[in-house]
Amino acid sequence: MKRICYLLMTFAFHVAGTAHETPQQVVTRYNNYKAICNGLGFKKVQCKDPKIDIIAFQSTLTKHLENLKAKETVVFDKVLLNEGNAYDKTSGVFTAPSDGIYSFTWTILTKHGKYFVSEIVQNGQKVAYNNSDGRGHDGWPMSTSHANIKMKKGDEVWIRTKDTSGYYAHGDDWCCFSGIKLSITTSK
């Protein structure tokens, strides 16, 4: 169907260029073919809707964290991507620039004999947990958690230690926190 409309539009402009029509006649002919295409179900599609903003970030932890207090914010201080500038690398907080559903993932690496229990919170309320526990294990245990969160403009999300202390999280970009806006929600 798109090919038919494209051919009709191409034909209209080709004929207009060779038939010495006035500009008004060309516009009229274009509008007539456009009406035919619309009648066939062709819809005008824009490449980018100006009402849709791309919001995405990815950050990592550069320094090792040890003996954090309960409910202390984990600041992922190296930003690799921050489309929409919604993640603050100094506070570790993501602030929703618009209403929508956002998807977040965070990964924690600890070492043998240590552990790190964290949670993702929305406006201070727990949404999901992550437990990287190396006690009784050799090597470097890594744990990843995920949360999809419906947010309003101005809502905040961050990673913090759980009620227990976060004992050890390995830096050097092994721990990461990322998020992306999945959809737009409309108010009813």
Protein backbone atom coordinates (compact mmCIF):
# COMPACT_ATOMS: atom_id res chain seq x y z
CA MET A 1 0.00 0.00 0.00
CA LYS A 2 2.87 2.37 0.79
CA ARG A 3 4.32 1.61 -2.65
CA ILE A 4 1.03 2.54 -4.33
CA CYS A 5 0.89 5.87 -2.48
CA TYR A 6 4.56 6.50 -3.24
CA LEU A 7 3.96 5.78 -6.93
CA LEU A 8 0.91 8.07 -7.00
CA MET A 9 2.86 10.90 -5.34
CA THR A 10 5.83 10.38 -7.66
CA PHE A 11 3.55 10.36 -10.67
CA ALA A 12 1.84 13.55 -9.50
CA PHE A 13 5.12 15.41 -9.14
CA HIS A 14 6.45 14.02 -12.41
CA VAL A 15 3.35 15.16 -14.29
CA ALA A 16 3.43 18.52 -12.52
CA GLY A 17 7.03 19.04 -13.58
CA THR A 18 6.31 18.34 -17.26
CA ALA A 19 2.83 19.88 -17.64
CA HIS A 20 3.73 23.48 -16.74
CA GLU A 21 1.19 23.68 -13.94
CA THR A 22 0.93 26.63 -11.60
CA PRO A 23 2.10 26.14 -7.99
CA GLN A 24 -1.55 26.14 -6.86
CA GLN A 25 -2.40 23.36 -9.33
CA VAL A 26 0.55 21.28 -8.06
CA VAL A 27 -0.64 21.70 -4.46
CA THR A 28 -4.21 20.77 -5.45
CA ARG A 29 -3.00 17.68 -7.30
CA TYR A 30 -0.79 16.70 -4.31
CA ASN A 31 -3.73 17.10 -1.89
CA ASN A 32 -5.94 14.97 -4.15
CA TYR A 33 -3.39 12.13 -4.23
CA LYS A 34 -2.83 12.51 -0.50
CA ALA A 35 -6.59 12.10 0.05
CA ILE A 36 -6.54 8.92 -2.05
CA CYS A 37 -3.63 7.53 0.00
CA ASN A 38 -5.39 8.38 3.26
CA GLY A 39 -8.52 6.66 1.95
CA LEU A 40 -6.45 3.53 1.28
CA GLY A 41 -5.28 3.53 4.90
CA PHE A 42 -1.88 5.16 4.45
CA LYS A 43 -0.89 7.08 7.57
CA LYS A 44 1.75 9.77 7.79
CA VAL A 45 4.56 8.55 10.04
CA GLN A 46 7.21 10.81 11.49
CA CYS A 47 10.69 9.53 12.16
CA LYS A 48 10.72 11.06 15.62
CA ASP A 49 7.75 12.16 17.66
CA PRO A 50 8.77 15.42 19.36
CA LYS A 51 6.67 14.43 22.39
CA ILE A 52 8.79 11.31 22.99
CA ASP A 53 12.13 11.81 24.71
CA ILE A 54 14.76 9.10 24.90
CA ILE A 55 15.73 8.58 28.53
CA ALA A 56 18.53 6.10 29.25
CA PHE A 57 21.56 5.93 31.50
CA GLN A 58 24.36 3.56 32.42
CA SER A 59 26.77 4.11 35.29
CA THR A 60 29.47 2.15 37.10
CA LEU A 61 31.24 2.13 40.43
CA THR A 62 34.90 3.11 40.21
CA LYS A 63 35.96 2.68 43.84
CA HIS A 64 35.51 -0.19 46.27
CA LEU A 65 32.84 0.29 48.93
CA GLU A 66 33.31 -1.18 52.40
CA ASN A 67 31.33 -1.08 55.64
CA LEU A 68 28.49 1.16 54.46
CA LYS A 69 25.72 1.95 56.93
CA ALA A 70 22.16 0.69 56.64
CA LYS A 71 20.15 2.48 53.92
CA GLU A 72 23.19 4.36 52.64
CA THR A 73 22.98 5.39 48.98
CA VAL A 74 25.32 3.59 46.60
CA VAL A 75 26.70 6.23 44.25
CA PHE A 76 27.67 4.82 40.86
CA ASP A 77 30.09 7.61 40.01
CA LYS A 78 31.15 6.93 36.42
CA VAL A 79 28.53 7.73 33.78
CA LEU A 80 28.85 5.97 30.44
CA LEU A 81 25.49 7.09 29.04
CA ASN A 82 23.03 9.72 30.26
CA GLU A 83 20.49 10.50 27.54
CA GLY A 84 18.05 12.98 29.03
CA ASN A 85 20.44 13.85 31.91
CA ALA A 86 18.19 12.18 34.48
CA TYR A 87 20.93 10.39 36.45
CA ASP A 88 23.03 12.41 38.91
CA LYS A 89 26.47 10.85 39.41
CA THR A 90 27.17 12.93 42.52
CA SER A 91 24.07 11.81 44.44
CA GLY A 92 23.46 8.45 42.72
CA VAL A 93 19.82 9.40 42.16
CA PHE A 94 17.77 9.01 38.97
CA THR A 95 14.96 11.58 38.65
CA ALA A 96 12.18 10.84 36.15
CA PRO A 97 11.93 13.75 33.69
CA SER A 98 8.47 12.59 32.58
CA ASP A 99 5.73 10.11 33.45
CA GLY A 100 6.26 6.57 32.22
CA ILE A 101 7.42 3.05 32.90
CA TYR A 102 11.15 2.75 33.50
CA SER A 103 13.29 -0.37 33.58
CA PHE A 104 16.29 -0.52 35.95
CA THR A 105 19.07 -3.07 36.40
CA TRP A 106 21.92 -3.12 38.88
CA THR A 107 24.79 -5.51 39.40
CA ILE A 108 26.99 -5.92 42.48
CA LEU A 109 30.28 -7.83 42.63
CA THR A 110 31.69 -8.81 46.01
CA LYS A 111 34.58 -11.08 47.00
CA HIS A 112 34.90 -14.37 48.88
CA GLY A 113 34.12 -14.04 52.55
CA LYS A 114 32.22 -10.75 52.03
CA TYR A 115 28.67 -9.78 51.07
CA PHE A 116 26.65 -6.79 49.87
CA VAL A 117 22.88 -6.54 50.26
CA SER A 118 21.23 -3.70 48.35
CA GLU A 119 17.79 -2.55 47.25
CA ILE A 120 16.33 -0.27 44.65
CA VAL A 121 13.97 2.33 46.09
CA GLN A 122 11.43 4.69 44.58
CA ASN A 123 10.96 7.85 46.63
CA GLY A 124 12.45 6.01 49.61
CA GLN A 125 10.21 2.91 49.33
CA LYS A 126 11.80 -0.48 48.61
CA VAL A 127 10.97 -2.01 45.22
CA ALA A 128 13.41 -4.95 44.87
CA TYR A 129 16.47 -6.51 46.53
CA ASN A 130 19.90 -7.69 45.42
CA ASN A 131 22.08 -10.05 47.50
CA SER A 132 25.66 -10.72 46.47
CA ASP A 133 27.01 -13.12 49.09
CA GLY A 134 30.54 -14.49 49.04
CA ARG A 135 30.52 -15.96 52.55
CA GLY A 136 31.45 -19.62 52.38
CA HIS A 137 32.43 -19.35 48.70
CA ASP A 138 35.63 -18.90 46.75
CA GLY A 139 35.93 -16.41 43.92
CA TRP A 140 34.00 -13.25 43.16
CA PRO A 141 30.21 -13.64 43.48
CA MET A 142 28.15 -11.33 41.29
CA SER A 143 24.41 -10.70 41.51
CA THR A 144 22.11 -8.75 39.20
CA SER A 145 18.59 -7.53 39.96
CA HIS A 146 15.95 -5.86 37.83
CA ALA A 147 12.87 -3.71 38.41
CA ASN A 148 10.26 -2.14 36.14
CA ILE A 149 8.81 0.91 37.86
CA LYS A 150 5.89 3.16 36.94
CA MET A 151 7.03 6.70 37.69
CA LYS A 152 5.63 10.20 37.66
CA LYS A 153 7.68 13.21 36.62
CA GLY A 154 9.98 14.11 39.54
CA ASP A 155 9.91 10.66 41.17
CA GLU A 156 13.33 9.45 42.29
CA VAL A 157 14.99 6.03 42.15
CA TRP A 158 18.33 4.99 43.64
CA ILE A 159 20.25 2.01 44.95
CA ARG A 160 21.01 1.80 48.67
CA THR A 161 22.19 -0.76 51.20
CA LYS A 162 19.43 -2.74 52.88
CA ASP A 163 18.78 -2.72 56.63
CA THR A 164 21.95 -4.73 57.13
CA SER A 165 25.23 -3.05 56.37
CA GLY A 166 26.73 -3.40 52.91
CA TYR A 167 30.05 -4.99 53.66
CA TYR A 168 31.99 -4.96 50.36
CA ALA A 169 31.26 -3.96 46.73
CA HIS A 170 34.09 -4.15 44.22
CA GLY A 171 34.81 -1.02 42.18
CA ASP A 172 36.88 -0.82 38.98
CA ASP A 173 33.64 -0.62 36.91
CA TRP A 174 32.46 -4.13 37.92
CA CYS A 175 29.32 -2.86 39.69
CA CYS A 176 26.80 -1.02 37.54
CA PHE A 177 23.39 0.67 37.57
CA SER A 178 21.36 1.40 34.44
CA GLY A 179 17.88 2.42 33.40
CA ILE A 180 15.75 3.21 30.39
CA LYS A 181 12.29 4.61 29.80
CA LEU A 182 10.07 1.96 28.24
CA SER A 183 6.82 3.82 27.64
CA ILE A 184 4.76 6.91 28.06
CA THR A 185 1.75 6.86 30.31
CA THR A 186 -1.12 9.20 29.67
CA SER A 187 -3.22 10.72 32.39
CA LYS A 188 -6.92 9.94 32.29
